[in-house]
Amino acid sequence: METQDNPRGVYDLVVAGFCGMLLIANVAATKLIALGPVWEPGGVHVFPLIFDGGALTFPITYILGGCLAEVYGFSKTRRAIFLGFVLSAVAAVVFLVVGALPPDLSWGNQEAWVSVLGFVPRIVLGSLLGYLGGQLINARVLVWLRDRAQPGSLWFRLMGSSVAGEAIDTVVFCVIAYGFVVDLGTLGNYIIIGYLYKVGFEALLLPVTVKVIAWLKVREQGV
């Protein structure tokens, strides 16, 4: 059931946070991070944990997406998802245009700019397609479960929708963003670790998410 507009509501703030975390993640995702031991000649080959910088903020978009779907329903959540999609696309175009424009001769960071932000369009393409599919599945599954909910099933709904949405998002993003850029072993490591990390992160913050949803429901009802 969709909530009615409420002058005391905070839907716009939740959407702003949702889109902001997405844009930050798109830029941060240009860096791959490896934690743990790596192979050295004569040593044992142990795969490091590989993930991108976007992993620090992107799971928060799923948490906020879950809040949106649970409190505001699918149509308002879909509006927020498409807004994030458009803003990410605009950011990618701006970075491309700025990178293509000739730099001032006294500014010596053109190569660094292109090296980092010039890679953003590929990151954004993977992010947009993965994000769009994953978030829509996340919202649809959560709302479907909510409409058939049993008392006390919020935790199950939140995690069930995230497990489905994050699977699609992670695979699509990783393949598009880093396919043919890194070797298959690294790509597989990246997909598995990224997926487990995102789902684990959401599970860890689930008590906070539940409290935020309860607060939002009270706020939106004007109590």
C-alpha atoms as a PDB file:
ATOM      1  CA  MET A   1       0.000   0.000   0.000  1.00  0.00           C
ATOM      2  CA  GLU A   2       1.381   3.406  -0.958  1.00  0.00           C
ATOM      3  CA  THR A   3       1.709   6.098   1.703  1.00  0.00           C
ATOM      4  CA  GLN A   4      -0.090   9.433   1.300  1.00  0.00           C
ATOM      5  CA  ASP A   5       1.878  12.676   0.967  1.00  0.00           C
ATOM      6  CA  ASN A   6       2.628  14.155   4.380  1.00  0.00           C
ATOM      7  CA  PRO A   7       4.068  17.654   4.935  1.00  0.00           C
ATOM      8  CA  ARG A   8       6.067  16.272   7.852  1.00  0.00           C
ATOM      9  CA  GLY A   9       7.382  13.398   5.770  1.00  0.00           C
ATOM     10  CA  VAL A  10      11.024  12.824   4.906  1.00  0.00           C
ATOM     11  CA  TYR A  11      10.675  10.986   1.583  1.00  0.00           C
ATOM     12  CA  ASP A  12      12.751  13.647  -0.198  1.00  0.00           C
ATOM     13  CA  LEU A  13      15.576  13.299   2.331  1.00  0.00           C
ATOM     14  CA  VAL A  14      15.653   9.505   1.974  1.00  0.00           C
ATOM     15  CA  VAL A  15      15.747   9.842  -1.823  1.00  0.00           C
ATOM     16  CA  ALA A  16      18.543  12.438  -1.582  1.00  0.00           C
ATOM     17  CA  GLY A  17      20.597  10.085   0.599  1.00  0.00           C
ATOM     18  CA  PHE A  18      19.846   7.189  -1.736  1.00  0.00           C
ATOM     19  CA  CYS A  19      21.044   9.098  -4.823  1.00  0.00           C
ATOM     20  CA  GLY A  20      24.010  10.635  -3.012  1.00  0.00           C
ATOM     21  CA  MET A  21      25.351   7.268  -1.855  1.00  0.00           C
ATOM     22  CA  LEU A  22      24.964   5.943  -5.407  1.00  0.00           C
ATOM     23  CA  LEU A  23      26.946   8.812  -6.967  1.00  0.00           C
ATOM     24  CA  ILE A  24      29.720   8.498  -4.382  1.00  0.00           C
ATOM     25  CA  ALA A  25      29.923   4.745  -4.977  1.00  0.00           C
ATOM     26  CA  ASN A  26      30.233   5.208  -8.750  1.00  0.00           C
ATOM     27  CA  VAL A  27      33.381   7.313  -8.354  1.00  0.00           C
ATOM     28  CA  ALA A  28      34.857   5.262  -5.500  1.00  0.00           C
ATOM     29  CA  ALA A  29      34.359   2.076  -7.548  1.00  0.00           C
ATOM     30  CA  THR A  30      37.116   3.141  -9.968  1.00  0.00           C
ATOM     31  CA  LYS A  31      39.645   1.738  -7.484  1.00  0.00           C
ATOM     32  CA  LEU A  32      40.044  -1.998  -6.829  1.00  0.00           C
ATOM     33  CA  ILE A  33      41.177  -2.821  -3.299  1.00  0.00           C
ATOM     34  CA  ALA A  34      42.955  -6.054  -2.315  1.00  0.00           C
ATOM     35  CA  LEU A  35      43.252  -7.092   1.326  1.00  0.00           C
ATOM     36  CA  GLY A  36      45.193 -10.143   2.452  1.00  0.00           C
ATOM     37  CA  PRO A  37      48.237 -12.126   1.272  1.00  0.00           C
ATOM     38  CA  VAL A  38      49.214 -12.276  -2.389  1.00  0.00           C
ATOM     39  CA  TRP A  39      51.348 -14.676  -4.387  1.00  0.00           C
ATOM     40  CA  GLU A  40      55.112 -14.327  -4.275  1.00  0.00           C
ATOM     41  CA  PRO A  41      57.718 -16.470  -6.103  1.00  0.00           C
ATOM     42  CA  GLY A  42      58.415 -19.536  -3.990  1.00  0.00           C
ATOM     43  CA  GLY A  43      55.518 -18.804  -1.709  1.00  0.00           C
ATOM     44  CA  VAL A  44      51.958 -20.048  -1.395  1.00  0.00           C
ATOM     45  CA  HIS A  45      49.341 -18.548  -3.665  1.00  0.00           C
ATOM     46  CA  VAL A  46      46.529 -17.246  -1.469  1.00  0.00           C
ATOM     47  CA  PHE A  47      43.894 -15.103  -3.128  1.00  0.00           C
ATOM     48  CA  PRO A  48      43.450 -11.704  -1.486  1.00  0.00           C
ATOM     49  CA  LEU A  49      39.988 -10.315  -0.827  1.00  0.00           C
ATOM     50  CA  ILE A  50      39.231  -8.084  -3.808  1.00  0.00           C
ATOM     51  CA  PHE A  51      36.547  -5.416  -3.833  1.00  0.00           C
ATOM     52  CA  ASP A  52      36.106  -1.896  -5.140  1.00  0.00           C
ATOM     53  CA  GLY A  53      35.942   1.380  -3.257  1.00  0.00           C
ATOM     54  CA  GLY A  54      32.245   1.673  -3.978  1.00  0.00           C
ATOM     55  CA  ALA A  55      31.658  -1.187  -1.544  1.00  0.00           C
ATOM     56  CA  LEU A  56      32.022   1.337   1.266  1.00  0.00           C
ATOM     57  CA  THR A  57      28.832   3.194   0.358  1.00  0.00           C
ATOM     58  CA  PHE A  58      26.901   1.150  -2.210  1.00  0.00           C
ATOM     59  CA  PRO A  59      25.322  -1.271   0.308  1.00  0.00           C
ATOM     60  CA  ILE A  60      23.781   1.777   1.970  1.00  0.00           C
ATOM     61  CA  THR A  61      21.779   2.381  -1.216  1.00  0.00           C
ATOM     62  CA  TYR A  62      20.215  -1.068  -0.779  1.00  0.00           C
ATOM     63  CA  ILE A  63      19.436  -0.341   2.852  1.00  0.00           C
ATOM     64  CA  LEU A  64      17.784   2.942   1.851  1.00  0.00           C
ATOM     65  CA  GLY A  65      16.107   1.177  -1.075  1.00  0.00           C
ATOM     66  CA  GLY A  66      14.635  -1.318   1.369  1.00  0.00           C
ATOM     67  CA  CYS A  67      13.379   1.536   3.548  1.00  0.00           C
ATOM     68  CA  LEU A  68      11.785   3.207   0.527  1.00  0.00           C
ATOM     69  CA  ALA A  69      10.059   0.041  -0.669  1.00  0.00           C
ATOM     70  CA  GLU A  70       8.807  -0.981   2.777  1.00  0.00           C
ATOM     71  CA  VAL A  71       7.525   2.453   3.772  1.00  0.00           C
ATOM     72  CA  TYR A  72       6.538   4.158   0.505  1.00  0.00           C
ATOM     73  CA  GLY A  73       5.678   1.298  -1.838  1.00  0.00           C
ATOM     74  CA  PHE A  74       6.939   0.274  -5.257  1.00  0.00           C
ATOM     75  CA  SER A  75       5.911   3.283  -7.363  1.00  0.00           C
ATOM     76  CA  LYS A  76       7.688   5.856  -5.166  1.00  0.00           C
ATOM     77  CA  THR A  77      10.707   3.582  -4.858  1.00  0.00           C
ATOM     78  CA  ARG A  78      10.804   3.201  -8.630  1.00  0.00           C
ATOM     79  CA  ARG A  79      10.785   7.005  -8.947  1.00  0.00           C
ATOM     80  CA  ALA A  80      13.845   7.218  -6.681  1.00  0.00           C
ATOM     81  CA  ILE A  81      15.608   4.427  -8.594  1.00  0.00           C
ATOM     82  CA  PHE A  82      15.111   6.148 -11.948  1.00  0.00           C
ATOM     83  CA  LEU A  83      16.216   9.488 -10.489  1.00  0.00           C
ATOM     84  CA  GLY A  84      19.456   7.868  -9.353  1.00  0.00           C
ATOM     85  CA  PHE A  85      19.810   6.328 -12.814  1.00  0.00           C
ATOM     86  CA  VAL A  86      19.482   9.711 -14.541  1.00  0.00           C
ATOM     87  CA  LEU A  87      21.853  11.495 -12.147  1.00  0.00           C
ATOM     88  CA  SER A  88      24.496   8.798 -12.612  1.00  0.00           C
ATOM     89  CA  ALA A  89      24.201   9.049 -16.388  1.00  0.00           C
ATOM     90  CA  VAL A  90      24.545  12.847 -16.246  1.00  0.00           C
ATOM     91  CA  ALA A  91      27.638  12.519 -14.029  1.00  0.00           C
ATOM     92  CA  ALA A  92      29.240  10.121 -16.521  1.00  0.00           C
ATOM     93  CA  VAL A  93      28.620  12.500 -19.432  1.00  0.00           C
ATOM     94  CA  VAL A  94      30.008  15.477 -17.493  1.00  0.00           C
ATOM     95  CA  PHE A  95      33.183  13.554 -16.599  1.00  0.00           C
ATOM     96  CA  LEU A  96      33.637  12.553 -20.240  1.00  0.00           C
ATOM     97  CA  VAL A  97      33.182  16.102 -21.504  1.00  0.00           C
ATOM     98  CA  VAL A  98      35.493  17.609 -18.874  1.00  0.00           C
ATOM     99  CA  GLY A  99      38.144  15.005 -19.621  1.00  0.00           C
ATOM    100  CA  ALA A 100      37.942  15.672 -23.352  1.00  0.00           C
ATOM    101  CA  LEU A 101      38.308  19.445 -23.025  1.00  0.00           C
ATOM    102  CA  PRO A 102      41.899  20.740 -23.322  1.00  0.00           C
ATOM    103  CA  PRO A 103      43.521  21.449 -19.940  1.00  0.00           C
ATOM    104  CA  ASP A 104      45.315  24.633 -18.964  1.00  0.00           C
ATOM    105  CA  LEU A 105      49.058  24.178 -19.535  1.00  0.00           C
ATOM    106  CA  SER A 106      49.814  25.021 -15.906  1.00  0.00           C
ATOM    107  CA  TRP A 107      47.529  22.242 -14.660  1.00  0.00           C
ATOM    108  CA  GLY A 108      49.461  18.980 -14.614  1.00  0.00           C
ATOM    109  CA  ASN A 109      46.742  16.545 -13.614  1.00  0.00           C
ATOM    110  CA  GLN A 110      45.109  15.752 -16.962  1.00  0.00           C
ATOM    111  CA  GLU A 111      46.424  12.175 -17.098  1.00  0.00           C
ATOM    112  CA  ALA A 112      45.420  11.526 -13.487  1.00  0.00           C
ATOM    113  CA  TRP A 113      41.939  12.915 -14.168  1.00  0.00           C
ATOM    114  CA  VAL A 114      41.431  10.776 -17.251  1.00  0.00           C
ATOM    115  CA  SER A 115      42.971   7.717 -15.578  1.00  0.00           C
ATOM    116  CA  VAL A 116      40.515   7.857 -12.674  1.00  0.00           C
ATOM    117  CA  LEU A 117      37.410   9.717 -13.798  1.00  0.00           C
ATOM    118  CA  GLY A 118      37.837   8.723 -17.449  1.00  0.00           C
ATOM    119  CA  PHE A 119      37.114   5.176 -16.294  1.00  0.00           C
ATOM    120  CA  VAL A 120      33.899   6.280 -14.629  1.00  0.00           C
ATOM    121  CA  PRO A 121      31.727   5.889 -17.790  1.00  0.00           C
ATOM    122  CA  ARG A 122      32.439   2.140 -17.879  1.00  0.00           C
ATOM    123  CA  ILE A 123      31.890   1.928 -14.140  1.00  0.00           C
ATOM    124  CA  VAL A 124      28.664   3.894 -14.528  1.00  0.00           C
ATOM    125  CA  LEU A 125      27.419   1.706 -17.402  1.00  0.00           C
ATOM    126  CA  GLY A 126      27.901  -1.408 -15.301  1.00  0.00           C
ATOM    127  CA  SER A 127      26.534   0.350 -12.252  1.00  0.00           C
ATOM    128  CA  LEU A 128      23.471   1.679 -14.085  1.00  0.00           C
ATOM    129  CA  LEU A 129      22.489  -1.653 -15.604  1.00  0.00           C
ATOM    130  CA  GLY A 130      23.270  -3.647 -12.467  1.00  0.00           C
ATOM    131  CA  TYR A 131      21.737  -1.054 -10.195  1.00  0.00           C
ATOM    132  CA  LEU A 132      18.573  -0.724 -12.257  1.00  0.00           C
ATOM    133  CA  GLY A 133      17.970  -4.467 -12.423  1.00  0.00           C
ATOM    134  CA  GLY A 134      19.066  -5.134  -8.859  1.00  0.00           C
ATOM    135  CA  GLN A 135      17.169  -2.292  -7.225  1.00  0.00           C
ATOM    136  CA  LEU A 136      13.964  -2.977  -9.134  1.00  0.00           C
ATOM    137  CA  ILE A 137      14.135  -6.666  -8.184  1.00  0.00           C
ATOM    138  CA  ASN A 138      14.967  -5.706  -4.600  1.00  0.00           C
ATOM    139  CA  ALA A 139      11.984  -3.362  -4.386  1.00  0.00           C
ATOM    140  CA  ARG A 140       9.602  -5.701  -6.197  1.00  0.00           C
ATOM    141  CA  VAL A 141      10.511  -8.712  -4.049  1.00  0.00           C
ATOM    142  CA  LEU A 142      10.278  -6.712  -0.828  1.00  0.00           C
ATOM    143  CA  VAL A 143       6.876  -5.240  -1.696  1.00  0.00           C
ATOM    144  CA  TRP A 144       5.628  -8.661  -2.865  1.00  0.00           C
ATOM    145  CA  LEU A 145       6.703 -10.193   0.440  1.00  0.00           C
ATOM    146  CA  ARG A 146       5.295  -7.236   2.406  1.00  0.00           C
ATOM    147  CA  ASP A 147       1.857  -7.647   0.855  1.00  0.00           C
ATOM    148  CA  ARG A 148       1.870 -11.294   1.958  1.00  0.00           C
ATOM    149  CA  ALA A 149       3.604 -10.631   5.258  1.00  0.00           C
ATOM    150  CA  GLN A 150       3.181 -12.487   8.484  1.00  0.00           C
ATOM    151  CA  PRO A 151       3.746 -10.609  11.759  1.00  0.00           C
ATOM    152  CA  GLY A 152       7.431 -10.300  12.554  1.00  0.00           C
ATOM    153  CA  SER A 153       8.623 -11.052   9.022  1.00  0.00           C
ATOM    154  CA  LEU A 154      10.299  -7.686   8.309  1.00  0.00           C
ATOM    155  CA  TRP A 155      13.812  -9.057   8.816  1.00  0.00           C
ATOM    156  CA  PHE A 156      13.103 -11.906   6.404  1.00  0.00           C
ATOM    157  CA  ARG A 157      11.642  -9.528   3.810  1.00  0.00           C
ATOM    158  CA  LEU A 158      14.624  -7.184   3.965  1.00  0.00           C
ATOM    159  CA  MET A 159      17.228  -9.932   3.654  1.00  0.00           C
ATOM    160  CA  GLY A 160      15.279 -11.959   1.091  1.00  0.00           C
ATOM    161  CA  SER A 161      14.934  -8.982  -1.221  1.00  0.00           C
ATOM    162  CA  SER A 162      18.591  -7.996  -0.766  1.00  0.00           C
ATOM    163  CA  VAL A 163      19.852 -11.513  -1.520  1.00  0.00           C
ATOM    164  CA  ALA A 164      17.965 -11.462  -4.826  1.00  0.00           C
ATOM    165  CA  GLY A 165      18.735  -7.873  -5.794  1.00  0.00           C
ATOM    166  CA  GLU A 166      22.413  -7.896  -4.840  1.00  0.00           C
ATOM    167  CA  ALA A 167      23.027 -11.095  -6.839  1.00  0.00           C
ATOM    168  CA  ILE A 168      21.840  -9.476 -10.064  1.00  0.00           C
ATOM    169  CA  ASP A 169      23.511  -6.160  -9.312  1.00  0.00           C
ATOM    170  CA  THR A 170      26.905  -7.631  -8.410  1.00  0.00           C
ATOM    171  CA  VAL A 171      27.238  -9.982 -11.376  1.00  0.00           C
ATOM    172  CA  VAL A 172      26.081  -7.430 -13.970  1.00  0.00           C
ATOM    173  CA  PHE A 173      28.239  -4.629 -12.562  1.00  0.00           C
ATOM    174  CA  CYS A 174      31.418  -6.676 -12.176  1.00  0.00           C
ATOM    175  CA  VAL A 175      31.231  -8.225 -15.646  1.00  0.00           C
ATOM    176  CA  ILE A 176      30.551  -4.927 -17.434  1.00  0.00           C
ATOM    177  CA  ALA A 177      32.901  -2.764 -15.364  1.00  0.00           C
ATOM    178  CA  TYR A 178      35.892  -5.101 -15.146  1.00  0.00           C
ATOM    179  CA  GLY A 179      35.330  -7.836 -17.759  1.00  0.00           C
ATOM    180  CA  PHE A 180      38.419  -8.087 -20.032  1.00  0.00           C
ATOM    181  CA  VAL A 181      40.171  -5.612 -17.712  1.00  0.00           C
ATOM    182  CA  VAL A 182      41.207  -8.150 -15.045  1.00  0.00           C
ATOM    183  CA  ASP A 183      41.823 -11.903 -15.349  1.00  0.00           C
ATOM    184  CA  LEU A 184      39.014 -14.423 -14.752  1.00  0.00           C
ATOM    185  CA  GLY A 185      40.340 -15.476 -11.355  1.00  0.00           C
ATOM    186  CA  THR A 186      40.349 -11.906 -10.131  1.00  0.00           C
ATOM    187  CA  LEU A 187      36.911 -11.288 -11.654  1.00  0.00           C
ATOM    188  CA  GLY A 188      35.446 -14.372  -9.967  1.00  0.00           C
ATOM    189  CA  ASN A 189      37.038 -13.393  -6.668  1.00  0.00           C
ATOM    190  CA  TYR A 190      35.668  -9.876  -7.108  1.00  0.00           C
ATOM    191  CA  ILE A 191      32.115 -11.101  -7.776  1.00  0.00           C
ATOM    192  CA  ILE A 192      32.000 -13.583  -4.887  1.00  0.00           C
ATOM    193  CA  ILE A 193      33.680 -11.372  -2.299  1.00  0.00           C
ATOM    194  CA  GLY A 194      31.676  -8.339  -3.411  1.00  0.00           C
ATOM    195  CA  TYR A 195      28.381 -10.203  -3.151  1.00  0.00           C
ATOM    196  CA  LEU A 196      29.127 -11.750   0.242  1.00  0.00           C
ATOM    197  CA  TYR A 197      30.393  -8.426   1.557  1.00  0.00           C
ATOM    198  CA  LYS A 198      27.300  -6.485   0.457  1.00  0.00           C
ATOM    199  CA  VAL A 199      24.843  -9.033   1.826  1.00  0.00           C
ATOM    200  CA  GLY A 200      26.878  -9.374   5.030  1.00  0.00           C
ATOM    201  CA  PHE A 201      27.035  -5.597   5.439  1.00  0.00           C
ATOM    202  CA  GLU A 202      23.259  -5.342   5.113  1.00  0.00           C
ATOM    203  CA  ALA A 203      22.754  -8.219   7.553  1.00  0.00           C
ATOM    204  CA  LEU A 204      25.036  -6.505  10.070  1.00  0.00           C
ATOM    205  CA  LEU A 205      23.064  -3.267   9.839  1.00  0.00           C
ATOM    206  CA  LEU A 206      19.676  -4.995   9.760  1.00  0.00           C
ATOM    207  CA  PRO A 207      18.760  -3.980  13.343  1.00  0.00           C
ATOM    208  CA  VAL A 208      19.440  -0.344  12.403  1.00  0.00           C
ATOM    209  CA  THR A 209      17.424  -0.677   9.187  1.00  0.00           C
ATOM    210  CA  VAL A 210      14.453  -2.102  11.101  1.00  0.00           C
ATOM    211  CA  LYS A 211      14.526   0.800  13.566  1.00  0.00           C
ATOM    212  CA  VAL A 212      14.793   3.353  10.743  1.00  0.00           C
ATOM    213  CA  ILE A 213      11.801   1.798   8.964  1.00  0.00           C
ATOM    214  CA  ALA A 214       9.750   1.901  12.158  1.00  0.00           C
ATOM    215  CA  TRP A 215      10.676   5.573  12.654  1.00  0.00           C
ATOM    216  CA  LEU A 216       9.822   6.415   9.040  1.00  0.00           C
ATOM    217  CA  LYS A 217       6.414   4.742   9.292  1.00  0.00           C
ATOM    218  CA  VAL A 218       5.575   6.764  12.393  1.00  0.00           C
ATOM    219  CA  ARG A 219       6.895   9.953  10.786  1.00  0.00           C
ATOM    220  CA  GLU A 220       4.972   9.462   7.558  1.00  0.00           C
ATOM    221  CA  GLN A 221       1.747   8.759   9.419  1.00  0.00           C
ATOM    222  CA  GLY A 222       2.105  12.177  11.016  1.00  0.00           C
ATOM    223  CA  VAL A 223       2.132  10.813  14.545  1.00  0.00           C
END
